[in-house]
PDB file of N, CA and C in Angstrom:
ATOM      1  N   MET A   1      45.455 -29.864  -3.955  1.00  0.00           N
ATOM      2  CA  MET A   1      44.223 -29.150  -4.256  1.00  0.00           C
ATOM      3  C   MET A   1      44.114 -27.941  -3.330  1.00  0.00           C
ATOM      4  N   ASP A   2      43.873 -26.778  -3.901  1.00  0.00           N
ATOM      5  CA  ASP A   2      43.701 -25.563  -3.104  1.00  0.00           C
ATOM      6  C   ASP A   2      42.291 -25.531  -2.529  1.00  0.00           C
ATOM      7  N   THR A   3      42.208 -25.424  -1.214  1.00  0.00           N
ATOM      8  CA  THR A   3      40.895 -25.354  -0.572  1.00  0.00           C
ATOM      9  C   THR A   3      40.640 -23.981   0.039  1.00  0.00           C
ATOM     10  N   TRP A   4      41.588 -23.069  -0.139  1.00  0.00           N
ATOM     11  CA  TRP A   4      41.440 -21.749   0.470  1.00  0.00           C
ATOM     12  C   TRP A   4      40.297 -20.959  -0.151  1.00  0.00           C
ATOM     13  N   ASN A   5      40.026 -21.189  -1.408  1.00  0.00           N
ATOM     14  CA  ASN A   5      38.979 -20.427  -2.086  1.00  0.00           C
ATOM     15  C   ASN A   5      37.671 -21.206  -2.015  1.00  0.00           C
ATOM     16  N   THR A   6      36.790 -20.777  -1.115  1.00  0.00           N
ATOM     17  CA  THR A   6      35.519 -21.483  -0.934  1.00  0.00           C
ATOM     18  C   THR A   6      34.378 -20.852  -1.711  1.00  0.00           C
ATOM     19  N   ILE A   7      34.682 -19.780  -2.449  1.00  0.00           N
ATOM     20  CA  ILE A   7      33.639 -19.134  -3.243  1.00  0.00           C
ATOM     21  C   ILE A   7      33.483 -19.901  -4.551  1.00  0.00           C
ATOM     22  N   THR A   8      32.328 -20.465  -4.734  1.00  0.00           N
ATOM     23  CA  THR A   8      32.051 -21.231  -5.950  1.00  0.00           C
ATOM     24  C   THR A   8      31.563 -20.310  -7.053  1.00  0.00           C
ATOM     25  N   ARG A   9      31.447 -20.852  -8.239  1.00  0.00           N
ATOM     26  CA  ARG A   9      30.932 -20.078  -9.372  1.00  0.00           C
ATOM     27  C   ARG A   9      29.528 -19.565  -9.062  1.00  0.00           C
ATOM     28  N   THR A  10      28.696 -20.409  -8.437  1.00  0.00           N
ATOM     29  CA  THR A  10      27.337 -20.008  -8.073  1.00  0.00           C
ATOM     30  C   THR A  10      27.363 -18.862  -7.081  1.00  0.00           C
ATOM     31  N   SER A  11      28.254 -18.937  -6.095  1.00  0.00           N
ATOM     32  CA  SER A  11      28.364 -17.862  -5.107  1.00  0.00           C
ATOM     33  C   SER A  11      28.785 -16.564  -5.769  1.00  0.00           C
ATOM     34  N   ARG A  12      29.753 -16.651  -6.688  1.00  0.00           N
ATOM     35  CA  ARG A  12      30.200 -15.444  -7.383  1.00  0.00           C
ATOM     36  C   ARG A  12      29.053 -14.843  -8.196  1.00  0.00           C
ATOM     37  N   THR A  13      28.259 -15.682  -8.830  1.00  0.00           N
ATOM     38  CA  THR A  13      27.127 -15.203  -9.624  1.00  0.00           C
ATOM     39  C   THR A  13      26.114 -14.513  -8.722  1.00  0.00           C
ATOM     40  N   ARG A  14      25.819 -15.103  -7.585  1.00  0.00           N
ATOM     41  CA  ARG A  14      24.858 -14.499  -6.656  1.00  0.00           C
ATOM     42  C   ARG A  14      25.397 -13.187  -6.101  1.00  0.00           C
ATOM     43  N   LEU A  15      26.682 -13.146  -5.792  1.00  0.00           N
ATOM     44  CA  LEU A  15      27.282 -11.910  -5.301  1.00  0.00           C
ATOM     45  C   LEU A  15      27.252 -10.831  -6.366  1.00  0.00           C
ATOM     46  N   THR A  16      27.517 -11.201  -7.593  1.00  0.00           N
ATOM     47  CA  THR A  16      27.485 -10.250  -8.699  1.00  0.00           C
ATOM     48  C   THR A  16      26.076  -9.696  -8.885  1.00  0.00           C
ATOM     49  N   ARG A  17      25.071 -10.568  -8.831  1.00  0.00           N
ATOM     50  CA  ARG A  17      23.675 -10.115  -8.958  1.00  0.00           C
ATOM     51  C   ARG A  17      23.292  -9.201  -7.799  1.00  0.00           C
ATOM     52  N   ALA A  18      23.711  -9.564  -6.583  1.00  0.00           N
ATOM     53  CA  ALA A  18      23.389  -8.747  -5.408  1.00  0.00           C
ATOM     54  C   ALA A  18      24.004  -7.363  -5.526  1.00  0.00           C
ATOM     55  N   LEU A  19      25.245  -7.322  -5.983  1.00  0.00           N
ATOM     56  CA  LEU A  19      25.914  -6.037  -6.162  1.00  0.00           C
ATOM     57  C   LEU A  19      25.204  -5.195  -7.218  1.00  0.00           C
ATOM     58  N   LYS A  20      24.768  -5.835  -8.294  1.00  0.00           N
ATOM     59  CA  LYS A  20      24.051  -5.114  -9.356  1.00  0.00           C
ATOM     60  C   LYS A  20      22.743  -4.533  -8.818  1.00  0.00           C
ATOM     61  N   VAL A  21      22.034  -5.280  -7.981  1.00  0.00           N
ATOM     62  CA  VAL A  21      20.790  -4.783  -7.383  1.00  0.00           C
ATOM     63  C   VAL A  21      21.072  -3.539  -6.563  1.00  0.00           C
ATOM     64  N   LEU A  22      22.074  -3.603  -5.695  1.00  0.00           N
ATOM     65  CA  LEU A  22      22.394  -2.453  -4.844  1.00  0.00           C
ATOM     66  C   LEU A  22      22.846  -1.258  -5.671  1.00  0.00           C
ATOM     67  N   GLU A  23      23.670  -1.493  -6.682  1.00  0.00           N
ATOM     68  CA  GLU A  23      24.120  -0.398  -7.534  1.00  0.00           C
ATOM     69  C   GLU A  23      22.956   0.237  -8.287  1.00  0.00           C
ATOM     70  N   THR A  24      22.035  -0.571  -8.764  1.00  0.00           N
ATOM     71  CA  THR A  24      20.878  -0.053  -9.495  1.00  0.00           C
ATOM     72  C   THR A  24      20.001   0.802  -8.586  1.00  0.00           C
ATOM     73  N   LEU A  25      19.760   0.316  -7.377  1.00  0.00           N
ATOM     74  CA  LEU A  25      18.902   1.053  -6.453  1.00  0.00           C
ATOM     75  C   LEU A  25      19.556   2.332  -5.949  1.00  0.00           C
ATOM     76  N   CYS A  26      20.877   2.366  -5.904  1.00  0.00           N
ATOM     77  CA  CYS A  26      21.589   3.548  -5.412  1.00  0.00           C
ATOM     78  C   CYS A  26      21.964   4.523  -6.524  1.00  0.00           C
ATOM     79  N   ASN A  27      21.721   4.143  -7.766  1.00  0.00           N
ATOM     80  CA  ASN A  27      22.051   5.002  -8.891  1.00  0.00           C
ATOM     81  C   ASN A  27      21.223   6.287  -8.806  1.00  0.00           C
ATOM     82  N   GLU A  28      21.907   7.416  -8.770  1.00  0.00           N
ATOM     83  CA  GLU A  28      21.236   8.715  -8.621  1.00  0.00           C
ATOM     84  C   GLU A  28      20.194   8.974  -9.711  1.00  0.00           C
ATOM     85  N   GLU A  29      20.406   8.440 -10.898  1.00  0.00           N
ATOM     86  CA  GLU A  29      19.452   8.648 -11.990  1.00  0.00           C
ATOM     87  C   GLU A  29      18.152   7.876 -11.756  1.00  0.00           C
ATOM     88  N   ASN A  30      18.206   6.810 -10.963  1.00  0.00           N
ATOM     89  CA  ASN A  30      17.017   5.994 -10.710  1.00  0.00           C
ATOM     90  C   ASN A  30      16.190   6.486  -9.526  1.00  0.00           C
ATOM     91  N   ILE A  31      16.763   7.298  -8.671  1.00  0.00           N
ATOM     92  CA  ILE A  31      16.071   7.758  -7.460  1.00  0.00           C
ATOM     93  C   ILE A  31      14.779   8.522  -7.791  1.00  0.00           C
ATOM     94  N   PRO A  32      14.783   9.484  -8.735  1.00  0.00           N
ATOM     95  CA  PRO A  32      13.525  10.187  -9.044  1.00  0.00           C
ATOM     96  C   PRO A  32      12.433   9.241  -9.549  1.00  0.00           C
ATOM     97  N   ILE A  33      12.828   8.229 -10.294  1.00  0.00           N
ATOM     98  CA  ILE A  33      11.848   7.251 -10.795  1.00  0.00           C
ATOM     99  C   ILE A  33      11.249   6.490  -9.631  1.00  0.00           C
ATOM    100  N   LEU A  34      12.100   5.987  -8.752  1.00  0.00           N
ATOM    101  CA  LEU A  34      11.621   5.243  -7.584  1.00  0.00           C
ATOM    102  C   LEU A  34      10.738   6.103  -6.694  1.00  0.00           C
ATOM    103  N   GLU A  35      11.129   7.351  -6.486  1.00  0.00           N
ATOM    104  CA  GLU A  35      10.343   8.264  -5.642  1.00  0.00           C
ATOM    105  C   GLU A  35       8.970   8.534  -6.259  1.00  0.00           C
ATOM    106  N   HIS A  36       8.935   8.755  -7.566  1.00  0.00           N
ATOM    107  CA  HIS A  36       7.647   9.020  -8.221  1.00  0.00           C
ATOM    108  C   HIS A  36       6.724   7.804  -8.117  1.00  0.00           C
ATOM    109  N   ILE A  37       7.263   6.629  -8.382  1.00  0.00           N
ATOM    110  CA  ILE A  37       6.436   5.416  -8.290  1.00  0.00           C
ATOM    111  C   ILE A  37       5.958   5.221  -6.859  1.00  0.00           C
ATOM    112  N   ARG A  38       6.841   5.469  -5.892  1.00  0.00           N
ATOM    113  CA  ARG A  38       6.456   5.308  -4.477  1.00  0.00           C
ATOM    114  C   ARG A  38       5.314   6.254  -4.105  1.00  0.00           C
ATOM    115  N   LYS A  39       5.418   7.498  -4.536  1.00  0.00           N
ATOM    116  CA  LYS A  39       4.387   8.487  -4.201  1.00  0.00           C
ATOM    117  C   LYS A  39       3.051   8.184  -4.879  1.00  0.00           C
ATOM    118  N   LYS A  40       3.102   7.770  -6.144  1.00  0.00           N
ATOM    119  CA  LYS A  40       1.879   7.529  -6.905  1.00  0.00           C
ATOM    120  C   LYS A  40       1.296   6.136  -6.684  1.00  0.00           C
ATOM    121  N   GLU A  41       2.083   5.218  -6.140  1.00  0.00           N
ATOM    122  CA  GLU A  41       1.746   3.808  -5.929  1.00  0.00           C
ATOM    123  C   GLU A  41       1.724   3.030  -7.235  1.00  0.00           C
ATOM    124  N   THR A  42       1.075   3.538  -8.259  1.00  0.00           N
ATOM    125  CA  THR A  42       1.061   2.922  -9.583  1.00  0.00           C
ATOM    126  C   THR A  42       1.160   4.044 -10.603  1.00  0.00           C
ATOM    127  N   THR A  43       2.014   3.860 -11.599  1.00  0.00           N
ATOM    128  CA  THR A  43       2.198   4.914 -12.589  1.00  0.00           C
ATOM    129  C   THR A  43       2.487   4.306 -13.957  1.00  0.00           C
ATOM    130  N   SER A  44       2.239   5.085 -14.975  1.00  0.00           N
ATOM    131  CA  SER A  44       2.476   4.631 -16.345  1.00  0.00           C
ATOM    132  C   SER A  44       3.808   5.171 -16.853  1.00  0.00           C
ATOM    133  N   LEU A  45       4.233   4.631 -17.976  1.00  0.00           N
ATOM    134  CA  LEU A  45       5.457   5.101 -18.612  1.00  0.00           C
ATOM    135  C   LEU A  45       5.313   6.570 -19.013  1.00  0.00           C
ATOM    136  N   ALA A  46       4.151   6.930 -19.521  1.00  0.00           N
ATOM    137  CA  ALA A  46       3.914   8.319 -19.935  1.00  0.00           C
ATOM    138  C   ALA A  46       4.016   9.279 -18.745  1.00  0.00           C
ATOM    139  N   GLU A  47       3.431   8.899 -17.608  1.00  0.00           N
ATOM    140  CA  GLU A  47       3.517   9.743 -16.412  1.00  0.00           C
ATOM    141  C   GLU A  47       4.967   9.897 -15.959  1.00  0.00           C
ATOM    142  N   LEU A  48       5.700   8.792 -15.989  1.00  0.00           N
ATOM    143  CA  LEU A  48       7.107   8.849 -15.590  1.00  0.00           C
ATOM    144  C   LEU A  48       7.905   9.739 -16.529  1.00  0.00           C
ATOM    145  N   TYR A  49       7.617   9.646 -17.804  1.00  0.00           N
ATOM    146  CA  TYR A  49       8.295  10.482 -18.784  1.00  0.00           C
ATOM    147  C   TYR A  49       8.028  11.962 -18.503  1.00  0.00           C
ATOM    148  N   LEU A  50       6.771  12.311 -18.267  1.00  0.00           N
ATOM    149  CA  LEU A  50       6.418  13.704 -17.979  1.00  0.00           C
ATOM    150  C   LEU A  50       7.049  14.179 -16.674  1.00  0.00           C
ATOM    151  N   GLN A  51       7.081  13.318 -15.682  1.00  0.00           N
ATOM    152  CA  GLN A  51       7.611  13.689 -14.368  1.00  0.00           C
ATOM    153  C   GLN A  51       9.129  13.849 -14.380  1.00  0.00           C
ATOM    154  N   THR A  52       9.826  12.932 -15.060  1.00  0.00           N
ATOM    155  CA  THR A  52      11.286  12.916 -14.984  1.00  0.00           C
ATOM    156  C   THR A  52      11.961  13.678 -16.114  1.00  0.00           C
ATOM    157  N   GLY A  53      11.304  13.755 -17.287  1.00  0.00           N
ATOM    158  CA  GLY A  53      11.904  14.431 -18.428  1.00  0.00           C
ATOM    159  C   GLY A  53      12.999  13.610 -19.102  1.00  0.00           C
ATOM    160  N   VAL A  54      13.164  12.371 -18.689  1.00  0.00           N
ATOM    161  CA  VAL A  54      14.152  11.478 -19.288  1.00  0.00           C
ATOM    162  C   VAL A  54      13.622  10.989 -20.634  1.00  0.00           C
ATOM    163  N   SER A  55      14.501  10.812 -21.601  1.00  0.00           N
ATOM    164  CA  SER A  55      14.051  10.334 -22.913  1.00  0.00           C
ATOM    165  C   SER A  55      13.373   8.977 -22.760  1.00  0.00           C
ATOM    166  N   PRO A  56      12.371   8.703 -23.596  1.00  0.00           N
ATOM    167  CA  PRO A  56      11.640   7.436 -23.471  1.00  0.00           C
ATOM    168  C   PRO A  56      12.539   6.199 -23.540  1.00  0.00           C
ATOM    169  N   ALA A  57      13.525   6.206 -24.439  1.00  0.00           N
ATOM    170  CA  ALA A  57      14.416   5.038 -24.575  1.00  0.00           C
ATOM    171  C   ALA A  57      15.228   4.827 -23.298  1.00  0.00           C
ATOM    172  N   LYS A  58      15.771   5.912 -22.761  1.00  0.00           N
ATOM    173  CA  LYS A  58      16.571   5.801 -21.534  1.00  0.00           C
ATOM    174  C   LYS A  58      15.685   5.410 -20.356  1.00  0.00           C
ATOM    175  N   LEU A  59      14.497   5.982 -20.292  1.00  0.00           N
ATOM    176  CA  LEU A  59      13.567   5.668 -19.207  1.00  0.00           C
ATOM    177  C   LEU A  59      13.185   4.191 -19.236  1.00  0.00           C
ATOM    178  N   GLU A  60      12.918   3.659 -20.415  1.00  0.00           N
ATOM    179  CA  GLU A  60      12.585   2.238 -20.526  1.00  0.00           C
ATOM    180  C   GLU A  60      13.753   1.365 -20.086  1.00  0.00           C
ATOM    181  N   MET A  61      14.970   1.775 -20.431  1.00  0.00           N
ATOM    182  CA  MET A  61      16.151   1.028 -20.019  1.00  0.00           C
ATOM    183  C   MET A  61      16.304   1.053 -18.489  1.00  0.00           C
ATOM    184  N   GLN A  62      16.090   2.218 -17.898  1.00  0.00           N
ATOM    185  CA  GLN A  62      16.173   2.341 -16.443  1.00  0.00           C
ATOM    186  C   GLN A  62      15.090   1.498 -15.769  1.00  0.00           C
ATOM    187  N   LEU A  63      13.884   1.543 -16.305  1.00  0.00           N
ATOM    188  CA  LEU A  63      12.796   0.758 -15.729  1.00  0.00           C
ATOM    189  C   LEU A  63      13.061  -0.738 -15.854  1.00  0.00           C
ATOM    190  N   ASP A  64      13.644  -1.154 -16.974  1.00  0.00           N
ATOM    191  CA  ASP A  64      13.999  -2.569 -17.127  1.00  0.00           C
ATOM    192  C   ASP A  64      14.988  -2.999 -16.052  1.00  0.00           C
ATOM    193  N   SER A  65      15.998  -2.167 -15.803  1.00  0.00           N
ATOM    194  CA  SER A  65      16.986  -2.528 -14.780  1.00  0.00           C
ATOM    195  C   SER A  65      16.354  -2.507 -13.391  1.00  0.00           C
ATOM    196  N   LEU A  66      15.440  -1.583 -13.135  1.00  0.00           N
ATOM    197  CA  LEU A  66      14.751  -1.558 -11.839  1.00  0.00           C
ATOM    198  C   LEU A  66      13.837  -2.767 -11.682  1.00  0.00           C
ATOM    199  N   CYS A  67      13.201  -3.176 -12.771  1.00  0.00           N
ATOM    200  CA  CYS A  67      12.352  -4.375 -12.714  1.00  0.00           C
ATOM    201  C   CYS A  67      13.193  -5.630 -12.469  1.00  0.00           C
ATOM    202  N   GLU A  68      14.403  -5.667 -13.028  1.00  0.00           N
ATOM    203  CA  GLU A  68      15.297  -6.804 -12.806  1.00  0.00           C
ATOM    204  C   GLU A  68      15.666  -6.959 -11.331  1.00  0.00           C
ATOM    205  N   THR A  69      15.678  -5.865 -10.588  1.00  0.00           N
ATOM    206  CA  THR A  69      16.000  -5.943  -9.158  1.00  0.00           C
ATOM    207  C   THR A  69      14.866  -6.583  -8.364  1.00  0.00           C
ATOM    208  N   GLY A  70      13.663  -6.577  -8.954  1.00  0.00           N
ATOM    209  CA  GLY A  70      12.498  -7.088  -8.246  1.00  0.00           C
ATOM    210  C   GLY A  70      11.825  -6.034  -7.395  1.00  0.00           C
ATOM    211  N   CYS A  71      12.394  -4.841  -7.341  1.00  0.00           N
ATOM    212  CA  CYS A  71      11.837  -3.756  -6.517  1.00  0.00           C
ATOM    213  C   CYS A  71      10.739  -2.989  -7.229  1.00  0.00           C
ATOM    214  N   VAL A  72      10.744  -3.028  -8.553  1.00  0.00           N
ATOM    215  CA  VAL A  72       9.696  -2.400  -9.355  1.00  0.00           C
ATOM    216  C   VAL A  72       9.048  -3.512 -10.174  1.00  0.00           C
ATOM    217  N   VAL A  73       7.732  -3.489 -10.204  1.00  0.00           N
ATOM    218  CA  VAL A  73       6.974  -4.508 -10.926  1.00  0.00           C
ATOM    219  C   VAL A  73       6.262  -3.855 -12.100  1.00  0.00           C
ATOM    220  N   HIS A  74       6.425  -4.449 -13.281  1.00  0.00           N
ATOM    221  CA  HIS A  74       5.741  -3.986 -14.486  1.00  0.00           C
ATOM    222  C   HIS A  74       4.504  -4.847 -14.677  1.00  0.00           C
ATOM    223  N   GLU A  75       3.353  -4.205 -14.758  1.00  0.00           N
ATOM    224  CA  GLU A  75       2.092  -4.924 -14.927  1.00  0.00           C
ATOM    225  C   GLU A  75       1.448  -4.501 -16.236  1.00  0.00           C
ATOM    226  N   SER A  76       1.161  -5.482 -17.077  1.00  0.00           N
ATOM    227  CA  SER A  76       0.485  -5.206 -18.346  1.00  0.00           C
ATOM    228  C   SER A  76      -0.997  -5.502 -18.198  1.00  0.00           C
ATOM    229  N   ALA A  77      -1.809  -4.629 -18.761  1.00  0.00           N
ATOM    230  CA  ALA A  77      -3.262  -4.806 -18.703  1.00  0.00           C
ATOM    231  C   ALA A  77      -3.864  -4.305 -20.011  1.00  0.00           C
ATOM    232  N   ALA A  78      -5.125  -4.594 -20.203  1.00  0.00           N
ATOM    233  CA  ALA A  78      -5.820  -4.162 -21.414  1.00  0.00           C
ATOM    234  C   ALA A  78      -5.836  -2.637 -21.535  1.00  0.00           C
ATOM    235  N   MET A  79      -5.886  -1.959 -20.407  1.00  0.00           N
ATOM    236  CA  MET A  79      -5.941  -0.498 -20.400  1.00  0.00           C
ATOM    237  C   MET A  79      -4.553   0.141 -20.491  1.00  0.00           C
ATOM    238  N   GLY A  80      -3.517  -0.660 -20.596  1.00  0.00           N
ATOM    239  CA  GLY A  80      -2.155  -0.138 -20.665  1.00  0.00           C
ATOM    240  C   GLY A  80      -1.316  -0.720 -19.543  1.00  0.00           C
ATOM    241  N   SER A  81      -0.033  -0.476 -19.610  1.00  0.00           N
ATOM    242  CA  SER A  81       0.845  -1.031 -18.596  1.00  0.00           C
ATOM    243  C   SER A  81       1.138   0.001 -17.513  1.00  0.00           C
ATOM    244  N   SER A  82       1.563  -0.524 -16.372  1.00  0.00           N
ATOM    245  CA  SER A  82       1.887   0.359 -15.259  1.00  0.00           C
ATOM    246  C   SER A  82       3.052  -0.223 -14.467  1.00  0.00           C
ATOM    247  N   TYR A  83       3.602   0.601 -13.609  1.00  0.00           N
ATOM    248  CA  TYR A  83       4.714   0.211 -12.754  1.00  0.00           C
ATOM    249  C   TYR A  83       4.337   0.489 -11.311  1.00  0.00           C
ATOM    250  N   ARG A  84       4.777  -0.395 -10.430  1.00  0.00           N
ATOM    251  CA  ARG A  84       4.542  -0.201  -9.003  1.00  0.00           C
ATOM    252  C   ARG A  84       5.741  -0.722  -8.227  1.00  0.00           C
ATOM    253  N   ILE A  85       5.865  -0.277  -7.003  1.00  0.00           N
ATOM    254  CA  ILE A  85       6.930  -0.719  -6.096  1.00  0.00           C
ATOM    255  C   ILE A  85       6.528  -2.058  -5.492  1.00  0.00           C
ATOM    256  N   ASN A  86       7.505  -2.944  -5.316  1.00  0.00           N
ATOM    257  CA  ASN A  86       7.298  -4.205  -4.617  1.00  0.00           C
ATOM    258  C   ASN A  86       7.814  -4.022  -3.192  1.00  0.00           C
ATOM    259  N   PRO A  87       6.938  -3.690  -2.232  1.00  0.00           N
ATOM    260  CA  PRO A  87       7.398  -3.363  -0.878  1.00  0.00           C
ATOM    261  C   PRO A  87       8.100  -4.522  -0.178  1.00  0.00           C
ATOM    262  N   GLU A  88       7.692  -5.756  -0.469  1.00  0.00           N
ATOM    263  CA  GLU A  88       8.340  -6.902   0.174  1.00  0.00           C
ATOM    264  C   GLU A  88       9.806  -7.001  -0.236  1.00  0.00           C
ATOM    265  N   ARG A  89      10.065  -6.763  -1.504  1.00  0.00           N
ATOM    266  CA  ARG A  89      11.447  -6.834  -1.999  1.00  0.00           C
ATOM    267  C   ARG A  89      12.279  -5.683  -1.446  1.00  0.00           C
ATOM    268  N   ILE A  90      11.690  -4.500  -1.368  1.00  0.00           N
ATOM    269  CA  ILE A  90      12.401  -3.353  -0.781  1.00  0.00           C
ATOM    270  C   ILE A  90      12.743  -3.668   0.679  1.00  0.00           C
ATOM    271  N   TRP A  91      11.787  -4.220   1.405  1.00  0.00           N
ATOM    272  CA  TRP A  91      12.000  -4.564   2.808  1.00  0.00           C
ATOM    273  C   TRP A  91      13.128  -5.590   2.943  1.00  0.00           C
ATOM    274  N   GLN A  92      13.136  -6.578   2.076  1.00  0.00           N
ATOM    275  CA  GLN A  92      14.165  -7.620   2.097  1.00  0.00           C
ATOM    276  C   GLN A  92      15.553  -7.013   1.853  1.00  0.00           C
ATOM    277  N   ILE A  93      15.678  -6.183   0.840  1.00  0.00           N
ATOM    278  CA  ILE A  93      16.963  -5.567   0.514  1.00  0.00           C
ATOM    279  C   ILE A  93      17.398  -4.617   1.619  1.00  0.00           C
ATOM    280  N   ASN A  94      16.455  -3.899   2.195  1.00  0.00           N
ATOM    281  CA  ASN A  94      16.767  -3.007   3.305  1.00  0.00           C
ATOM    282  C   ASN A  94      17.344  -3.799   4.483  1.00  0.00           C
ATOM    283  N   GLY A  95      16.754  -4.934   4.792  1.00  0.00           N
ATOM    284  CA  GLY A  95      17.248  -5.770   5.881  1.00  0.00           C
ATOM    285  C   GLY A  95      18.653  -6.288   5.613  1.00  0.00           C
ATOM    286  N   ILE A  96      18.896  -6.687   4.382  1.00  0.00           N
ATOM    287  CA  ILE A  96      20.223  -7.179   4.011  1.00  0.00           C
ATOM    288  C   ILE A  96      21.256  -6.066   4.117  1.00  0.00           C
ATOM    289  N   SER A  97      20.922  -4.880   3.631  1.00  0.00           N
ATOM    290  CA  SER A  97      21.887  -3.778   3.694  1.00  0.00           C
ATOM    291  C   SER A  97      22.149  -3.357   5.138  1.00  0.00           C
ATOM    292  N   ARG A  98      21.138  -3.418   5.992  1.00  0.00           N
ATOM    293  CA  ARG A  98      21.367  -3.129   7.416  1.00  0.00           C
ATOM    294  C   ARG A  98      22.331  -4.134   8.021  1.00  0.00           C
ATOM    295  N   ARG A  99      22.155  -5.398   7.660  1.00  0.00           N
ATOM    296  CA  ARG A  99      23.041  -6.447   8.181  1.00  0.00           C
ATOM    297  C   ARG A  99      24.470  -6.235   7.692  1.00  0.00           C
ATOM    298  N   ILE A 100      24.635  -5.865   6.442  1.00  0.00           N
ATOM    299  CA  ILE A 100      25.970  -5.579   5.903  1.00  0.00           C
ATOM    300  C   ILE A 100      26.610  -4.435   6.674  1.00  0.00           C
ATOM    301  N   ASN A 101      25.843  -3.372   6.937  1.00  0.00           N
ATOM    302  CA  ASN A 101      26.373  -2.248   7.703  1.00  0.00           C
ATOM    303  C   ASN A 101      26.749  -2.664   9.117  1.00  0.00           C
ATOM    304  N   GLN A 102      25.942  -3.519   9.728  1.00  0.00           N
ATOM    305  CA  GLN A 102      26.247  -3.994  11.074  1.00  0.00           C
ATOM    306  C   GLN A 102      27.553  -4.794  11.087  1.00  0.00           C
ATOM    307  N   ILE A 103      27.716  -5.657  10.107  1.00  0.00           N
ATOM    308  CA  ILE A 103      28.949  -6.445  10.011  1.00  0.00           C
ATOM    309  C   ILE A 103      30.143  -5.519   9.822  1.00  0.00           C
ATOM    310  N   ARG A 104      29.990  -4.523   8.967  1.00  0.00           N
ATOM    311  CA  ARG A 104      31.073  -3.563   8.725  1.00  0.00           C
ATOM    312  C   ARG A 104      31.427  -2.815  10.000  1.00  0.00           C
ATOM    313  N   GLU A 105      30.411  -2.330  10.710  1.00  0.00           N
ATOM    314  CA  GLU A 105      30.661  -1.583  11.949  1.00  0.00           C
ATOM    315  C   GLU A 105      31.304  -2.467  13.010  1.00  0.00           C
ATOM    316  N   ASP A 106      30.852  -3.716  13.133  1.00  0.00           N
ATOM    317  CA  ASP A 106      31.457  -4.640  14.087  1.00  0.00           C
ATOM    318  C   ASP A 106      32.920  -4.900  13.742  1.00  0.00           C
ATOM    319  N   GLY A 107      33.206  -5.035  12.460  1.00  0.00           N
ATOM    320  CA  GLY A 107      34.586  -5.250  12.012  1.00  0.00           C
ATOM    321  C   GLY A 107      35.466  -4.055  12.296  1.00  0.00           C
ATOM    322  N   LEU A 108      34.937  -2.863  12.097  1.00  0.00           N
ATOM    323  CA  LEU A 108      35.711  -1.653  12.377  1.00  0.00           C
ATOM    324  C   LEU A 108      35.989  -1.518  13.874  1.00  0.00           C
ATOM    325  N   ARG A 109      35.006  -1.876  14.711  1.00  0.00           N
ATOM    326  CA  ARG A 109      35.204  -1.839  16.163  1.00  0.00           C
ATOM    327  C   ARG A 109      36.291  -2.813  16.592  1.00  0.00           C
ATOM    328  N   GLU A 110      36.264  -4.008  15.978  1.00  0.00           N
ATOM    329  CA  GLU A 110      37.274  -5.021  16.299  1.00  0.00           C
ATOM    330  C   GLU A 110      38.665  -4.542  15.906  1.00  0.00           C
ATOM    331  N   GLN A 111      38.763  -3.887  14.757  1.00  0.00           N
ATOM    332  CA  GLN A 111      40.070  -3.382  14.302  1.00  0.00           C
ATOM    333  C   GLN A 111      40.566  -2.263  15.202  1.00  0.00           C
ATOM    334  N   ALA A 112      39.659  -1.432  15.686  1.00  0.00           N
ATOM    335  CA  ALA A 112      40.042  -0.305  16.548  1.00  0.00           C
ATOM    336  C   ALA A 112      40.398  -0.776  17.957  1.00  0.00           C
ATOM    337  N   GLY A 113      39.775  -1.868  18.412  1.00  0.00           N
ATOM    338  CA  GLY A 113      39.967  -2.357  19.786  1.00  0.00           C
ATOM    339  C   GLY A 113      41.155  -3.195  19.904  1.00  0.00           C
TER     340      GLY A 113
END
């Protein structure tokens, strides 16, 4: 029995999801959307469309992927729906990415030393 591979199917799935979150947040096309929502605190699809100039279908697709990351929250109400940033999730992802960078830098120092 090979025991060298300790990454389970669940671990691979979690790693794949984590990578998708980071890729979505770093996607240059999503940055203007995130910035607009951050500045306005809460915004509608119509406001985002006017601000970004992205087609409604593409904008909805981008917002869906941002909502999947947990960093953007879609709220439906009687007066219409809106989007807002989830600061706790942003903080969590920021902490994880800092830790990844620290591990990378420590590894590079070890290789150089």
